[in-house]
């Protein structure tokens, strides 16, 4: 499960950088592109204290919601794979 969450998080970070842009890699004061870890963490946890990312138009950028859906699908697939294989 932890491996799934890690892989999901990495894929989600790549997706939000591609879809929204300038979340992880953004220009600094000298206009050089730098890795901005604090911006990434703020974006991932932003839905816990602000309702903007709960709008249907941008729900795919909501990390807690997408992680919950991913864990549900992962659990269902594992359950049915176990039942299918054990027959």
C-alpha atoms as a PDB file:
ATOM      1  CA  UNK A   1       0.000   0.000   0.000  1.00  0.00           C
ATOM      2  CA  UNK A   2       2.818   2.424   0.829  1.00  0.00           C
ATOM      3  CA  UNK A   3       4.486   1.669  -2.490  1.00  0.00           C
ATOM      4  CA  UNK A   4       1.204   2.410  -4.261  1.00  0.00           C
ATOM      5  CA  UNK A   5       0.859   5.750  -2.411  1.00  0.00           C
ATOM      6  CA  UNK A   6       4.455   6.686  -3.284  1.00  0.00           C
ATOM      7  CA  UNK A   7       4.032   5.831  -6.973  1.00  0.00           C
ATOM      8  CA  UNK A   8       0.641   7.552  -7.068  1.00  0.00           C
ATOM      9  CA  UNK A   9       2.104  10.694  -5.476  1.00  0.00           C
ATOM     10  CA  UNK A  10       4.979  10.849  -7.961  1.00  0.00           C
ATOM     11  CA  UNK A  11       2.585  10.408 -10.891  1.00  0.00           C
ATOM     12  CA  UNK A  12       0.260  13.038  -9.413  1.00  0.00           C
ATOM     13  CA  UNK A  13       3.132  15.530  -9.051  1.00  0.00           C
ATOM     14  CA  UNK A  14       4.096  15.000 -12.701  1.00  0.00           C
ATOM     15  CA  UNK A  15       0.465  15.417 -13.732  1.00  0.00           C
ATOM     16  CA  UNK A  16      -0.134  18.672 -11.812  1.00  0.00           C
ATOM     17  CA  UNK A  17       3.096  20.145 -13.119  1.00  0.00           C
ATOM     18  CA  UNK A  18       2.017  19.331 -16.666  1.00  0.00           C
ATOM     19  CA  UNK A  19      -1.656  20.316 -16.267  1.00  0.00           C
ATOM     20  CA  UNK A  20      -1.490  23.365 -13.988  1.00  0.00           C
ATOM     21  CA  UNK A  21       2.143  24.368 -14.546  1.00  0.00           C
ATOM     22  CA  UNK A  22       4.661  26.191 -12.358  1.00  0.00           C
ATOM     23  CA  UNK A  23       3.862  24.268  -9.207  1.00  0.00           C
ATOM     24  CA  UNK A  24       7.170  22.461  -8.722  1.00  0.00           C
ATOM     25  CA  UNK A  25       9.433  24.257 -11.170  1.00  0.00           C
ATOM     26  CA  UNK A  26       9.019  28.020 -11.113  1.00  0.00           C
ATOM     27  CA  UNK A  27      11.195  31.046 -11.834  1.00  0.00           C
ATOM     28  CA  UNK A  28      13.050  32.635  -8.925  1.00  0.00           C
ATOM     29  CA  UNK A  29      13.963  36.310  -8.462  1.00  0.00           C
ATOM     30  CA  UNK A  30      16.687  36.084 -11.127  1.00  0.00           C
ATOM     31  CA  UNK A  31      14.277  34.376 -13.557  1.00  0.00           C
ATOM     32  CA  UNK A  32      16.019  30.977 -13.328  1.00  0.00           C
ATOM     33  CA  UNK A  33      13.800  27.910 -13.127  1.00  0.00           C
ATOM     34  CA  UNK A  34      14.253  26.278  -9.713  1.00  0.00           C
ATOM     35  CA  UNK A  35      12.708  23.368  -7.846  1.00  0.00           C
ATOM     36  CA  UNK A  36      10.258  24.751  -5.280  1.00  0.00           C
ATOM     37  CA  UNK A  37       9.439  22.076  -2.701  1.00  0.00           C
ATOM     38  CA  UNK A  38       7.396  24.352  -0.439  1.00  0.00           C
ATOM     39  CA  UNK A  39       5.094  25.268  -3.322  1.00  0.00           C
ATOM     40  CA  UNK A  40       4.528  21.577  -4.007  1.00  0.00           C
ATOM     41  CA  UNK A  41       3.690  20.794  -0.374  1.00  0.00           C
ATOM     42  CA  UNK A  42       1.358  23.792  -0.175  1.00  0.00           C
ATOM     43  CA  UNK A  43      -0.462  22.677  -3.332  1.00  0.00           C
ATOM     44  CA  UNK A  44      -0.859  19.096  -2.097  1.00  0.00           C
ATOM     45  CA  UNK A  45      -2.309  20.141   1.270  1.00  0.00           C
ATOM     46  CA  UNK A  46      -4.204  23.234   0.096  1.00  0.00           C
ATOM     47  CA  UNK A  47      -7.608  21.429  -0.091  1.00  0.00           C
ATOM     48  CA  UNK A  48      -7.530  20.883   3.683  1.00  0.00           C
ATOM     49  CA  UNK A  49      -7.833  24.598   4.432  1.00  0.00           C
ATOM     50  CA  UNK A  50      -9.358  26.119   1.288  1.00  0.00           C
ATOM     51  CA  UNK A  51     -12.350  24.968  -0.737  1.00  0.00           C
ATOM     52  CA  UNK A  52     -11.120  26.120  -4.181  1.00  0.00           C
ATOM     53  CA  UNK A  53      -9.740  22.729  -5.232  1.00  0.00           C
ATOM     54  CA  UNK A  54     -13.043  21.055  -4.347  1.00  0.00           C
ATOM     55  CA  UNK A  55     -14.741  22.688  -7.360  1.00  0.00           C
ATOM     56  CA  UNK A  56     -15.679  20.164 -10.042  1.00  0.00           C
ATOM     57  CA  UNK A  57     -13.660  22.066 -12.674  1.00  0.00           C
ATOM     58  CA  UNK A  58     -10.367  21.452 -10.837  1.00  0.00           C
ATOM     59  CA  UNK A  59     -11.166  18.352  -8.749  1.00  0.00           C
ATOM     60  CA  UNK A  60      -8.503  16.405 -10.642  1.00  0.00           C
ATOM     61  CA  UNK A  61      -5.893  18.632  -8.987  1.00  0.00           C
ATOM     62  CA  UNK A  62      -7.160  17.776  -5.519  1.00  0.00           C
ATOM     63  CA  UNK A  63      -4.554  15.412  -4.064  1.00  0.00           C
ATOM     64  CA  UNK A  64      -6.559  14.113  -1.067  1.00  0.00           C
ATOM     65  CA  UNK A  65      -9.586  13.372  -3.248  1.00  0.00           C
ATOM     66  CA  UNK A  66      -7.572  11.663  -5.990  1.00  0.00           C
ATOM     67  CA  UNK A  67      -5.550   9.701  -3.431  1.00  0.00           C
ATOM     68  CA  UNK A  68      -8.766   8.488  -1.783  1.00  0.00           C
ATOM     69  CA  UNK A  69     -10.164   7.385  -5.149  1.00  0.00           C
ATOM     70  CA  UNK A  70      -6.866   5.710  -6.029  1.00  0.00           C
ATOM     71  CA  UNK A  71      -6.726   3.832  -2.725  1.00  0.00           C
ATOM     72  CA  UNK A  72     -10.329   2.674  -3.170  1.00  0.00           C
ATOM     73  CA  UNK A  73      -9.607   1.365  -6.668  1.00  0.00           C
ATOM     74  CA  UNK A  74      -6.362  -0.246  -5.478  1.00  0.00           C
ATOM     75  CA  UNK A  75      -8.183  -1.970  -2.612  1.00  0.00           C
ATOM     76  CA  UNK A  76     -10.981  -3.233  -4.871  1.00  0.00           C
ATOM     77  CA  UNK A  77      -8.539  -4.552  -7.454  1.00  0.00           C
ATOM     78  CA  UNK A  78      -6.479  -6.300  -4.779  1.00  0.00           C
ATOM     79  CA  UNK A  79      -9.591  -7.818  -3.188  1.00  0.00           C
ATOM     80  CA  UNK A  80     -10.944  -9.176  -6.468  1.00  0.00           C
ATOM     81  CA  UNK A  81      -7.523 -10.349  -7.636  1.00  0.00           C
ATOM     82  CA  UNK A  82      -7.161 -12.261  -4.370  1.00  0.00           C
ATOM     83  CA  UNK A  83     -10.613 -13.825  -4.775  1.00  0.00           C
ATOM     84  CA  UNK A  84      -9.947 -14.659  -8.434  1.00  0.00           C
ATOM     85  CA  UNK A  85      -6.520 -16.183  -7.812  1.00  0.00           C
ATOM     86  CA  UNK A  86      -7.600 -18.170  -4.739  1.00  0.00           C
ATOM     87  CA  UNK A  87     -10.313 -20.074  -6.688  1.00  0.00           C
END
